[in-house]
């Protein structure tokens, strides 16, 4: 499994965690607990956004690598 795929799995897990925090936020009747879950939601969403940017960067690198590999394969086969 590539790093990008592992990162995408982590992002999916983070989406679930954020959803759980939101449910717990709405279920809580205590303002201090609501504030805690609100902070957790905000911080987890920040991590999610940063990792999403990194996943996009990795995807771009993989696409470039694949494209360069295809070009190199064509050049090699043209020489033979």
N, C-alpha and C. Protein backbone atom coordinates (compact mmCIF):
# COMPACT_ATOMS: atom_id res chain seq x y z
N UNK A 1 0.86 -1.18 0.00
CA UNK A 1 0.00 0.00 0.00
C UNK A 1 0.90 1.23 0.00
N UNK A 2 0.61 2.16 -0.91
CA UNK A 2 1.43 3.37 -1.00
C UNK A 2 1.11 4.32 0.16
N UNK A 3 2.01 5.24 0.37
CA UNK A 3 1.80 6.24 1.43
C UNK A 3 0.53 7.03 1.17
N UNK A 4 0.28 7.36 -0.10
CA UNK A 4 -0.93 8.12 -0.42
C UNK A 4 -2.19 7.35 -0.05
N UNK A 5 -2.20 6.04 -0.32
CA UNK A 5 -3.37 5.24 0.03
C UNK A 5 -3.53 5.12 1.55
N UNK A 6 -2.41 4.99 2.25
CA UNK A 6 -2.48 4.97 3.72
C UNK A 6 -3.01 6.29 4.24
N UNK A 7 -2.57 7.38 3.62
CA UNK A 7 -3.04 8.70 4.03
C UNK A 7 -4.53 8.86 3.75
N UNK A 8 -4.99 8.34 2.62
CA UNK A 8 -6.42 8.40 2.30
C UNK A 8 -7.24 7.60 3.31
N UNK A 9 -6.71 6.48 3.77
CA UNK A 9 -7.37 5.69 4.81
C UNK A 9 -7.45 6.49 6.10
N UNK A 10 -6.37 7.14 6.44
CA UNK A 10 -6.35 7.98 7.65
C UNK A 10 -7.36 9.11 7.54
N UNK A 11 -7.45 9.72 6.36
CA UNK A 11 -8.42 10.80 6.15
C UNK A 11 -9.85 10.30 6.34
N UNK A 12 -10.14 9.12 5.84
CA UNK A 12 -11.48 8.54 6.02
C UNK A 12 -11.76 8.30 7.50
N UNK A 13 -10.75 7.82 8.22
CA UNK A 13 -10.92 7.59 9.66
C UNK A 13 -11.14 8.92 10.38
N UNK A 14 -10.41 9.95 9.98
CA UNK A 14 -10.60 11.27 10.59
C UNK A 14 -12.00 11.81 10.33
N UNK A 15 -12.53 11.57 9.14
CA UNK A 15 -13.91 11.99 8.85
C UNK A 15 -14.88 11.34 9.83
N UNK A 16 -14.66 10.06 10.12
CA UNK A 16 -15.50 9.36 11.08
C UNK A 16 -15.35 9.92 12.49
N UNK A 17 -14.14 10.24 12.86
CA UNK A 17 -13.89 10.81 14.19
C UNK A 17 -14.57 12.16 14.31
N UNK A 18 -14.46 12.99 13.28
CA UNK A 18 -15.11 14.31 13.30
C UNK A 18 -16.62 14.13 13.43
N UNK A 19 -17.18 13.19 12.69
CA UNK A 19 -18.62 12.94 12.76
C UNK A 19 -19.02 12.50 14.17
N UNK A 20 -18.21 11.62 14.79
CA UNK A 20 -18.49 11.18 16.16
C UNK A 20 -18.45 12.35 17.13
N UNK A 21 -17.45 13.21 16.99
CA UNK A 21 -17.35 14.39 17.86
C UNK A 21 -18.58 15.28 17.71
N UNK A 22 -19.05 15.43 16.48
CA UNK A 22 -20.23 16.27 16.24
C UNK A 22 -21.47 15.68 16.89
N UNK A 23 -21.61 14.36 16.82
CA UNK A 23 -22.75 13.69 17.46
C UNK A 23 -22.67 13.90 18.97
N UNK A 24 -21.49 13.69 19.53
CA UNK A 24 -21.32 13.85 20.99
C UNK A 24 -21.56 15.30 21.41
N UNK A 25 -21.15 16.24 20.56
CA UNK A 25 -21.39 17.66 20.84
C UNK A 25 -22.90 17.91 20.96
N UNK A 26 -23.66 17.40 20.00
CA UNK A 26 -25.10 17.64 20.00
C UNK A 26 -25.83 16.87 21.10
N UNK A 27 -25.28 15.74 21.50
CA UNK A 27 -25.90 14.94 22.56
C UNK A 27 -25.63 15.51 23.95
N UNK A 28 -24.58 16.29 24.07
CA UNK A 28 -24.18 16.80 25.37
C UNK A 28 -25.09 17.95 25.82
N UNK A 29 -25.44 17.93 27.09
CA UNK A 29 -26.24 19.02 27.63
C UNK A 29 -25.40 20.01 28.42
N UNK A 30 -24.18 19.63 28.69
CA UNK A 30 -23.27 20.44 29.50
C UNK A 30 -22.47 21.38 28.60
N UNK A 31 -22.48 22.66 28.93
CA UNK A 31 -21.78 23.64 28.09
C UNK A 31 -20.28 23.42 28.05
N UNK A 32 -19.69 23.01 29.17
CA UNK A 32 -18.24 22.77 29.20
C UNK A 32 -17.89 21.59 28.29
N UNK A 33 -18.72 20.58 28.29
CA UNK A 33 -18.50 19.42 27.42
C UNK A 33 -18.70 19.80 25.97
N UNK A 34 -19.71 20.61 25.69
CA UNK A 34 -19.93 21.09 24.32
C UNK A 34 -18.71 21.87 23.83
N UNK A 35 -18.17 22.70 24.71
CA UNK A 35 -17.00 23.49 24.34
C UNK A 35 -15.81 22.57 24.05
N UNK A 36 -15.65 21.53 24.85
CA UNK A 36 -14.57 20.58 24.64
C UNK A 36 -14.71 19.91 23.27
N UNK A 37 -15.91 19.41 22.97
CA UNK A 37 -16.11 18.75 21.68
C UNK A 37 -15.98 19.73 20.52
N UNK A 38 -16.40 20.96 20.71
CA UNK A 38 -16.24 21.97 19.66
C UNK A 38 -14.75 22.21 19.37
N UNK A 39 -13.94 22.26 20.42
CA UNK A 39 -12.49 22.42 20.25
C UNK A 39 -11.91 21.20 19.54
N UNK A 40 -12.34 20.01 19.95
CA UNK A 40 -11.85 18.79 19.30
C UNK A 40 -12.23 18.76 17.82
N UNK A 41 -13.44 19.18 17.51
CA UNK A 41 -13.89 19.24 16.11
C UNK A 41 -13.01 20.19 15.31
N UNK A 42 -12.80 21.37 15.83
CA UNK A 42 -12.00 22.39 15.14
C UNK A 42 -10.57 21.91 14.91
N UNK A 43 -9.95 21.36 15.95
CA UNK A 43 -8.57 20.92 15.83
C UNK A 43 -8.44 19.72 14.88
N UNK A 44 -9.38 18.80 14.94
CA UNK A 44 -9.33 17.63 14.08
C UNK A 44 -9.58 18.04 12.63
N UNK A 45 -10.47 18.99 12.40
CA UNK A 45 -10.71 19.48 11.04
C UNK A 45 -9.46 20.17 10.48
N UNK A 46 -8.70 20.85 11.33
CA UNK A 46 -7.46 21.49 10.91
C UNK A 46 -6.45 20.43 10.47
N UNK A 47 -6.31 19.38 11.26
CA UNK A 47 -5.41 18.27 10.90
C UNK A 47 -5.87 17.64 9.59
N UNK A 48 -7.18 17.43 9.46
CA UNK A 48 -7.75 16.83 8.25
C UNK A 48 -7.40 17.68 7.02
N UNK A 49 -7.57 18.99 7.13
CA UNK A 49 -7.27 19.88 6.00
C UNK A 49 -5.80 19.82 5.61
N UNK A 50 -4.91 19.81 6.59
CA UNK A 50 -3.47 19.73 6.32
C UNK A 50 -3.12 18.41 5.63
N UNK A 51 -3.69 17.32 6.11
CA UNK A 51 -3.41 16.02 5.51
C UNK A 51 -4.02 15.90 4.12
N UNK A 52 -5.15 16.56 3.89
CA UNK A 52 -5.76 16.57 2.57
C UNK A 52 -4.84 17.25 1.56
N UNK A 53 -4.24 18.35 1.98
CA UNK A 53 -3.29 19.06 1.11
C UNK A 53 -2.12 18.15 0.79
N UNK A 54 -1.61 17.46 1.80
CA UNK A 54 -0.47 16.55 1.58
C UNK A 54 -0.86 15.39 0.66
N UNK A 55 -2.05 14.87 0.82
CA UNK A 55 -2.52 13.78 -0.04
C UNK A 55 -2.58 14.23 -1.50
N UNK A 56 -3.02 15.45 -1.71
CA UNK A 56 -3.08 16.01 -3.07
C UNK A 56 -1.68 16.14 -3.65
N UNK A 57 -0.75 16.61 -2.81
CA UNK A 57 0.64 16.73 -3.27
C UNK A 57 1.20 15.36 -3.66
N UNK A 58 0.94 14.36 -2.84
CA UNK A 58 1.43 13.01 -3.14
C UNK A 58 0.81 12.46 -4.42
N UNK A 59 -0.47 12.75 -4.62
CA UNK A 59 -1.14 12.31 -5.84
C UNK A 59 -0.49 12.95 -7.06
N UNK A 60 -0.19 14.24 -6.97
CA UNK A 60 0.46 14.94 -8.08
C UNK A 60 1.82 14.33 -8.39
N UNK A 61 2.57 13.99 -7.34
CA UNK A 61 3.88 13.38 -7.53
C UNK A 61 3.74 12.01 -8.19
N UNK A 62 2.78 11.22 -7.70
CA UNK A 62 2.57 9.90 -8.29
C UNK A 62 2.15 10.00 -9.75
N UNK A 63 1.29 10.96 -10.07
CA UNK A 63 0.87 11.15 -11.46
C UNK A 63 2.06 11.54 -12.33
N UNK A 64 2.91 12.44 -11.82
CA UNK A 64 4.09 12.87 -12.58
C UNK A 64 5.04 11.70 -12.76
N UNK A 65 5.21 10.90 -11.70
CA UNK A 65 6.09 9.74 -11.78
C UNK A 65 5.58 8.76 -12.82
N UNK A 66 4.28 8.51 -12.81
CA UNK A 66 3.67 7.60 -13.78
C UNK A 66 3.84 8.14 -15.19
N UNK A 67 3.59 9.44 -15.35
CA UNK A 67 3.73 10.07 -16.67
C UNK A 67 5.17 9.98 -17.15
N UNK A 68 6.14 10.30 -16.28
CA UNK A 68 7.55 10.21 -16.65
C UNK A 68 7.93 8.77 -16.97
N UNK A 69 7.40 7.83 -16.21
CA UNK A 69 7.69 6.41 -16.46
C UNK A 69 7.18 5.98 -17.81
N UNK A 70 5.98 6.44 -18.19
CA UNK A 70 5.43 6.11 -19.51
C UNK A 70 6.30 6.70 -20.62
N UNK A 71 6.74 7.94 -20.43
CA UNK A 71 7.58 8.59 -21.43
C UNK A 71 8.92 7.87 -21.56
N UNK A 72 9.51 7.48 -20.43
CA UNK A 72 10.78 6.77 -20.46
C UNK A 72 10.63 5.41 -21.15
N UNK A 73 9.51 4.74 -20.90
CA UNK A 73 9.26 3.44 -21.53
C UNK A 73 9.15 3.61 -23.05
N UNK A 74 8.50 4.67 -23.50
CA UNK A 74 8.38 4.93 -24.94
C UNK A 74 9.74 5.22 -25.56
N UNK A 75 10.54 6.02 -24.87
CA UNK A 75 11.88 6.37 -25.38
C UNK A 75 12.71 5.11 -25.49
N UNK A 76 12.66 4.26 -24.47
CA UNK A 76 13.44 3.03 -24.49
C UNK A 76 13.00 2.12 -25.61
N UNK A 77 11.69 1.97 -25.80
CA UNK A 77 11.21 1.07 -26.85
C UNK A 77 11.48 1.66 -28.24
N UNK A 78 11.53 2.99 -28.36
CA UNK A 78 11.85 3.61 -29.64
C UNK A 78 13.31 3.34 -30.02
N UNK A 79 14.16 3.21 -29.03
CA UNK A 79 15.59 2.96 -29.30
C UNK A 79 15.83 1.53 -29.76
N UNK A 80 14.94 0.64 -29.40
CA UNK A 80 15.15 -0.78 -29.77
C UNK A 80 14.55 -1.09 -31.08
